[in-house]
Amino acid sequence: MQEQERWLSVEEIAAHLGVNRDTIYKWIERKHMPAHKLGKLWKFKATEIDEWIRQGKAGEDSQSE
């Protein structure tokens, strides 16, 4: 039986990536970081974020800045 990946908070994903939580909010808005809104909270799967990073999405220039 495969263990299900747990959802991470903004604080946890910021720590995972070694960035400030404000950076996470900017990436959600400007760089389409994979995030799921549950009520007022943003939640993340580390595997989705890691793949997004590997694809170079965090480093892409944003047109909305």
PDB file of N, CA and C in Angstrom:
ATOM      1  N   MET A   1       0.847  -1.190   0.000  1.00  0.00           N
ATOM      2  CA  MET A   1       0.000   0.000   0.000  1.00  0.00           C
ATOM      3  C   MET A   1       0.887   1.247   0.000  1.00  0.00           C
ATOM      4  N   GLN A   2       0.636   2.139  -0.942  1.00  0.00           N
ATOM      5  CA  GLN A   2       1.455   3.333  -1.083  1.00  0.00           C
ATOM      6  C   GLN A   2       0.962   4.413  -0.124  1.00  0.00           C
ATOM      7  N   GLU A   3       1.924   5.040   0.553  1.00  0.00           N
ATOM      8  CA  GLU A   3       1.573   6.114   1.471  1.00  0.00           C
ATOM      9  C   GLU A   3       1.204   7.354   0.673  1.00  0.00           C
ATOM     10  N   GLN A   4       0.103   7.992   1.063  1.00  0.00           N
ATOM     11  CA  GLN A   4      -0.354   9.178   0.356  1.00  0.00           C
ATOM     12  C   GLN A   4       0.468  10.393   0.796  1.00  0.00           C
ATOM     13  N   GLU A   5       0.856  11.205  -0.175  1.00  0.00           N
ATOM     14  CA  GLU A   5       1.632  12.413   0.100  1.00  0.00           C
ATOM     15  C   GLU A   5       0.762  13.417   0.847  1.00  0.00           C
ATOM     16  N   ARG A   6       1.331  14.033   1.853  1.00  0.00           N
ATOM     17  CA  ARG A   6       0.550  14.990   2.637  1.00  0.00           C
ATOM     18  C   ARG A   6       0.618  16.383   2.024  1.00  0.00           C
ATOM     19  N   TRP A   7      -0.416  17.170   2.276  1.00  0.00           N
ATOM     20  CA  TRP A   7      -0.476  18.543   1.804  1.00  0.00           C
ATOM     21  C   TRP A   7       0.399  19.418   2.688  1.00  0.00           C
ATOM     22  N   LEU A   8       1.129  20.350   2.061  1.00  0.00           N
ATOM     23  CA  LEU A   8       2.010  21.249   2.787  1.00  0.00           C
ATOM     24  C   LEU A   8       1.442  22.663   2.790  1.00  0.00           C
ATOM     25  N   SER A   9       1.746  23.409   3.860  1.00  0.00           N
ATOM     26  CA  SER A   9       1.308  24.801   3.984  1.00  0.00           C
ATOM     27  C   SER A   9       2.286  25.729   3.268  1.00  0.00           C
ATOM     28  N   VAL A  10       1.947  26.997   3.203  1.00  0.00           N
ATOM     29  CA  VAL A  10       2.839  28.003   2.612  1.00  0.00           C
ATOM     30  C   VAL A  10       4.169  28.008   3.363  1.00  0.00           C
ATOM     31  N   GLU A  11       4.108  27.974   4.678  1.00  0.00           N
ATOM     32  CA  GLU A  11       5.331  27.990   5.485  1.00  0.00           C
ATOM     33  C   GLU A  11       6.197  26.755   5.215  1.00  0.00           C
ATOM     34  N   GLU A  12       5.558  25.609   5.102  1.00  0.00           N
ATOM     35  CA  GLU A  12       6.304  24.366   4.862  1.00  0.00           C
ATOM     36  C   GLU A  12       6.927  24.334   3.476  1.00  0.00           C
ATOM     37  N   ILE A  13       6.199  24.806   2.461  1.00  0.00           N
ATOM     38  CA  ILE A  13       6.755  24.768   1.109  1.00  0.00           C
ATOM     39  C   ILE A  13       7.851  25.821   0.968  1.00  0.00           C
ATOM     40  N   ALA A  14       7.716  26.950   1.657  1.00  0.00           N
ATOM     41  CA  ALA A  14       8.774  27.971   1.652  1.00  0.00           C
ATOM     42  C   ALA A  14      10.047  27.397   2.276  1.00  0.00           C
ATOM     43  N   ALA A  15       9.908  26.678   3.382  1.00  0.00           N
ATOM     44  CA  ALA A  15      11.062  26.051   4.028  1.00  0.00           C
ATOM     45  C   ALA A  15      11.662  24.975   3.125  1.00  0.00           C
ATOM     46  N   HIS A  16      10.813  24.209   2.462  1.00  0.00           N
ATOM     47  CA  HIS A  16      11.261  23.158   1.535  1.00  0.00           C
ATOM     48  C   HIS A  16      12.136  23.744   0.432  1.00  0.00           C
ATOM     49  N   LEU A  17      11.754  24.928  -0.062  1.00  0.00           N
ATOM     50  CA  LEU A  17      12.472  25.568  -1.159  1.00  0.00           C
ATOM     51  C   LEU A  17      13.550  26.539  -0.689  1.00  0.00           C
ATOM     52  N   GLY A  18      13.535  26.875   0.599  1.00  0.00           N
ATOM     53  CA  GLY A  18      14.516  27.816   1.131  1.00  0.00           C
ATOM     54  C   GLY A  18      14.266  29.247   0.692  1.00  0.00           C
ATOM     55  N   VAL A  19      12.985  29.615   0.594  1.00  0.00           N
ATOM     56  CA  VAL A  19      12.618  30.981   0.206  1.00  0.00           C
ATOM     57  C   VAL A  19      11.654  31.560   1.234  1.00  0.00           C
ATOM     58  N   ASN A  20      11.415  32.858   1.114  1.00  0.00           N
ATOM     59  CA  ASN A  20      10.496  33.574   1.980  1.00  0.00           C
ATOM     60  C   ASN A  20       9.051  33.242   1.600  1.00  0.00           C
ATOM     61  N   ARG A  21       8.146  33.248   2.551  1.00  0.00           N
ATOM     62  CA  ARG A  21       6.740  32.946   2.231  1.00  0.00           C
ATOM     63  C   ARG A  21       6.131  33.961   1.272  1.00  0.00           C
ATOM     64  N   ASP A  22       6.600  35.227   1.306  1.00  0.00           N
ATOM     65  CA  ASP A  22       6.112  36.227   0.346  1.00  0.00           C
ATOM     66  C   ASP A  22       6.465  35.827  -1.085  1.00  0.00           C
ATOM     67  N   THR A  23       7.618  35.189  -1.254  1.00  0.00           N
ATOM     68  CA  THR A  23       8.031  34.706  -2.569  1.00  0.00           C
ATOM     69  C   THR A  23       7.046  33.655  -3.081  1.00  0.00           C
ATOM     70  N   ILE A  24       6.582  32.796  -2.181  1.00  0.00           N
ATOM     71  CA  ILE A  24       5.599  31.770  -2.562  1.00  0.00           C
ATOM     72  C   ILE A  24       4.338  32.426  -3.108  1.00  0.00           C
ATOM     73  N   TYR A  25       3.810  33.431  -2.409  1.00  0.00           N
ATOM     74  CA  TYR A  25       2.599  34.114  -2.878  1.00  0.00           C
ATOM     75  C   TYR A  25       2.820  34.781  -4.233  1.00  0.00           C
ATOM     76  N   LYS A  26       3.998  35.378  -4.433  1.00  0.00           N
ATOM     77  CA  LYS A  26       4.308  36.001  -5.726  1.00  0.00           C
ATOM     78  C   LYS A  26       4.374  34.950  -6.822  1.00  0.00           C
ATOM     79  N   TRP A  27       4.997  33.806  -6.532  1.00  0.00           N
ATOM     80  CA  TRP A  27       5.101  32.740  -7.534  1.00  0.00           C
ATOM     81  C   TRP A  27       3.730  32.183  -7.891  1.00  0.00           C
ATOM     82  N   ILE A  28       2.827  32.078  -6.922  1.00  0.00           N
ATOM     83  CA  ILE A  28       1.465  31.603  -7.217  1.00  0.00           C
ATOM     84  C   ILE A  28       0.812  32.559  -8.214  1.00  0.00           C
ATOM     85  N   GLU A  29       0.911  33.853  -7.924  1.00  0.00           N
ATOM     86  CA  GLU A  29       0.249  34.870  -8.740  1.00  0.00           C
ATOM     87  C   GLU A  29       0.934  35.100 -10.088  1.00  0.00           C
ATOM     88  N   ARG A  30       2.256  35.217 -10.086  1.00  0.00           N
ATOM     89  CA  ARG A  30       2.963  35.651 -11.289  1.00  0.00           C
ATOM     90  C   ARG A  30       3.535  34.521 -12.133  1.00  0.00           C
ATOM     91  N   LYS A  31       3.844  33.398 -11.515  1.00  0.00           N
ATOM     92  CA  LYS A  31       4.523  32.323 -12.237  1.00  0.00           C
ATOM     93  C   LYS A  31       3.719  31.026 -12.272  1.00  0.00           C
ATOM     94  N   HIS A  32       2.463  31.113 -11.832  1.00  0.00           N
ATOM     95  CA  HIS A  32       1.541  29.977 -11.892  1.00  0.00           C
ATOM     96  C   HIS A  32       2.091  28.744 -11.169  1.00  0.00           C
ATOM     97  N   MET A  33       2.639  28.978  -9.986  1.00  0.00           N
ATOM     98  CA  MET A  33       3.109  27.870  -9.152  1.00  0.00           C
ATOM     99  C   MET A  33       1.929  26.948  -8.861  1.00  0.00           C
ATOM    100  N   PRO A  34       2.131  25.631  -8.963  1.00  0.00           N
ATOM    101  CA  PRO A  34       1.012  24.716  -8.677  1.00  0.00           C
ATOM    102  C   PRO A  34       0.619  24.783  -7.201  1.00  0.00           C
ATOM    103  N   ALA A  35      -0.577  25.283  -6.962  1.00  0.00           N
ATOM    104  CA  ALA A  35      -1.086  25.448  -5.601  1.00  0.00           C
ATOM    105  C   ALA A  35      -2.586  25.188  -5.621  1.00  0.00           C
ATOM    106  N   HIS A  36      -3.103  24.767  -4.502  1.00  0.00           N
ATOM    107  CA  HIS A  36      -4.528  24.427  -4.383  1.00  0.00           C
ATOM    108  C   HIS A  36      -5.097  25.221  -3.220  1.00  0.00           C
ATOM    109  N   LYS A  37      -6.165  25.959  -3.478  1.00  0.00           N
ATOM    110  CA  LYS A  37      -6.765  26.782  -2.430  1.00  0.00           C
ATOM    111  C   LYS A  37      -7.863  25.992  -1.730  1.00  0.00           C
ATOM    112  N   LEU A  38      -7.726  25.904  -0.428  1.00  0.00           N
ATOM    113  CA  LEU A  38      -8.725  25.255   0.422  1.00  0.00           C
ATOM    114  C   LEU A  38      -9.254  26.311   1.377  1.00  0.00           C
ATOM    115  N   GLY A  39     -10.409  26.871   1.062  1.00  0.00           N
ATOM    116  CA  GLY A  39     -10.912  27.995   1.846  1.00  0.00           C
ATOM    117  C   GLY A  39      -9.982  29.185   1.653  1.00  0.00           C
ATOM    118  N   LYS A  40      -9.409  29.681   2.748  1.00  0.00           N
ATOM    119  CA  LYS A  40      -8.471  30.805   2.676  1.00  0.00           C
ATOM    120  C   LYS A  40      -7.021  30.343   2.611  1.00  0.00           C
ATOM    121  N   LEU A  41      -6.784  29.048   2.705  1.00  0.00           N
ATOM    122  CA  LEU A  41      -5.427  28.517   2.788  1.00  0.00           C
ATOM    123  C   LEU A  41      -4.941  27.963   1.458  1.00  0.00           C
ATOM    124  N   TRP A  42      -3.667  28.191   1.173  1.00  0.00           N
ATOM    125  CA  TRP A  42      -3.019  27.569   0.026  1.00  0.00           C
ATOM    126  C   TRP A  42      -2.336  26.304   0.497  1.00  0.00           C
ATOM    127  N   LYS A  43      -2.463  25.235  -0.286  1.00  0.00           N
ATOM    128  CA  LYS A  43      -1.824  23.957   0.038  1.00  0.00           C
ATOM    129  C   LYS A  43      -1.046  23.470  -1.184  1.00  0.00           C
ATOM    130  N   PHE A  44      -0.013  22.686  -0.915  1.00  0.00           N
ATOM    131  CA  PHE A  44       0.921  22.265  -1.951  1.00  0.00           C
ATOM    132  C   PHE A  44       1.282  20.799  -1.789  1.00  0.00           C
ATOM    133  N   LYS A  45       1.627  20.157  -2.902  1.00  0.00           N
ATOM    134  CA  LYS A  45       2.218  18.823  -2.900  1.00  0.00           C
ATOM    135  C   LYS A  45       3.681  19.017  -3.283  1.00  0.00           C
ATOM    136  N   ALA A  46       4.593  18.531  -2.455  1.00  0.00           N
ATOM    137  CA  ALA A  46       6.022  18.716  -2.711  1.00  0.00           C
ATOM    138  C   ALA A  46       6.422  18.148  -4.068  1.00  0.00           C
ATOM    139  N   THR A  47       5.831  17.025  -4.470  1.00  0.00           N
ATOM    140  CA  THR A  47       6.186  16.428  -5.760  1.00  0.00           C
ATOM    141  C   THR A  47       5.812  17.339  -6.926  1.00  0.00           C
ATOM    142  N   GLU A  48       4.662  18.026  -6.834  1.00  0.00           N
ATOM    143  CA  GLU A  48       4.248  18.958  -7.884  1.00  0.00           C
ATOM    144  C   GLU A  48       5.189  20.153  -7.939  1.00  0.00           C
ATOM    145  N   ILE A  49       5.563  20.664  -6.771  1.00  0.00           N
ATOM    146  CA  ILE A  49       6.454  21.824  -6.704  1.00  0.00           C
ATOM    147  C   ILE A  49       7.838  21.457  -7.219  1.00  0.00           C
ATOM    148  N   ASP A  50       8.339  20.289  -6.829  1.00  0.00           N
ATOM    149  CA  ASP A  50       9.654  19.851  -7.290  1.00  0.00           C
ATOM    150  C   ASP A  50       9.685  19.719  -8.812  1.00  0.00           C
ATOM    151  N   GLU A  51       8.629  19.187  -9.402  1.00  0.00           N
ATOM    152  CA  GLU A  51       8.552  19.053 -10.855  1.00  0.00           C
ATOM    153  C   GLU A  51       8.487  20.430 -11.520  1.00  0.00           C
ATOM    154  N   TRP A  52       7.728  21.344 -10.940  1.00  0.00           N
ATOM    155  CA  TRP A  52       7.610  22.706 -11.446  1.00  0.00           C
ATOM    156  C   TRP A  52       8.988  23.382 -11.447  1.00  0.00           C
ATOM    157  N   ILE A  53       9.748  23.182 -10.386  1.00  0.00           N
ATOM    158  CA  ILE A  53      11.103  23.739 -10.293  1.00  0.00           C
ATOM    159  C   ILE A  53      11.997  23.108 -11.366  1.00  0.00           C
ATOM    160  N   ARG A  54      11.941  21.776 -11.492  1.00  0.00           N
ATOM    161  CA  ARG A  54      12.767  21.066 -12.484  1.00  0.00           C
ATOM    162  C   ARG A  54      12.481  21.552 -13.907  1.00  0.00           C
ATOM    163  N   GLN A  55      11.249  21.924 -14.168  1.00  0.00           N
ATOM    164  CA  GLN A  55      10.871  22.409 -15.497  1.00  0.00           C
ATOM    165  C   GLN A  55      11.307  23.851 -15.733  1.00  0.00           C
ATOM    166  N   GLY A  56      11.890  24.488 -14.709  1.00  0.00           N
ATOM    167  CA  GLY A  56      12.388  25.849 -14.853  1.00  0.00           C
ATOM    168  C   GLY A  56      11.335  26.927 -14.743  1.00  0.00           C
ATOM    169  N   LYS A  57      10.166  26.585 -14.237  1.00  0.00           N
ATOM    170  CA  LYS A  57       9.057  27.546 -14.187  1.00  0.00           C
ATOM    171  C   LYS A  57       9.318  28.702 -13.222  1.00  0.00           C
ATOM    172  N   ALA A  58      10.027  28.466 -12.136  1.00  0.00           N
ATOM    173  CA  ALA A  58      10.289  29.522 -11.157  1.00  0.00           C
ATOM    174  C   ALA A  58      11.218  30.587 -11.725  1.00  0.00           C
ATOM    175  N   GLY A  59      12.038  30.204 -12.686  1.00  0.00           N
ATOM    176  CA  GLY A  59      12.996  31.134 -13.248  1.00  0.00           C
ATOM    177  C   GLY A  59      12.514  31.875 -14.480  1.00  0.00           C
ATOM    178  N   GLU A  60      11.338  31.520 -14.979  1.00  0.00           N
ATOM    179  CA  GLU A  60      10.824  32.174 -16.196  1.00  0.00           C
ATOM    180  C   GLU A  60      10.460  33.617 -15.911  1.00  0.00           C
ATOM    181  N   ASP A  61      10.667  34.481 -16.907  1.00  0.00           N
ATOM    182  CA  ASP A  61      10.238  35.868 -16.785  1.00  0.00           C
ATOM    183  C   ASP A  61       8.724  35.918 -16.861  1.00  0.00           C
ATOM    184  N   SER A  62       8.150  36.791 -16.057  1.00  0.00           N
ATOM    185  CA  SER A  62       6.703  36.935 -16.054  1.00  0.00           C
ATOM    186  C   SER A  62       6.308  38.164 -16.861  1.00  0.00           C
ATOM    187  N   GLN A  63       5.238  38.057 -17.619  1.00  0.00           N
ATOM    188  CA  GLN A  63       4.757  39.168 -18.414  1.00  0.00           C
ATOM    189  C   GLN A  63       3.975  40.175 -17.577  1.00  0.00           C
ATOM    190  N   SER A  64       3.506  39.775 -16.380  1.00  0.00           N
ATOM    191  CA  SER A  64       2.643  40.636 -15.576  1.00  0.00           C
ATOM    192  C   SER A  64       3.406  41.539 -14.624  1.00  0.00           C
ATOM    193  N   GLU A  65       4.721  41.472 -14.593  1.00  0.00           N
ATOM    194  CA  GLU A  65       5.490  42.287 -13.659  1.00  0.00           C
ATOM    195  C   GLU A  65       5.699  43.678 -14.190  1.00  0.00           C
TER     196      GLU A  65
END
